[in-house]
Amino acid sequence: MMMMIRTEKVKQCVDARLGGDYAPKAVAKLAAVTALCVQYEADFRPYMSTVVKALQPLLNARAVAPGEGLH
């Protein structure tokens, strides 16, 4: 199951030079998938097919227009 990351944590993880021009939910999902992929025990890591399925929708995510990001 994917863990949810709070908006404050997302802000800390994203390069400030983006100026808020990113989809916070997409960043949170990417971080959650990344956390699963770096589990110490290999048995707890997801299959790559699962990772691809989880990340595929992020490629289709609506681009955030300037000024519509986190504030």
Foldseek 3Di string as FASTA:
>chain_A
DFDFDDQVVLVVVDDCVCVQFAASRLSRLVVRLVVQQVDPDPVSHDDVVVVCVSNVVVVVDDGGDPPRGDD
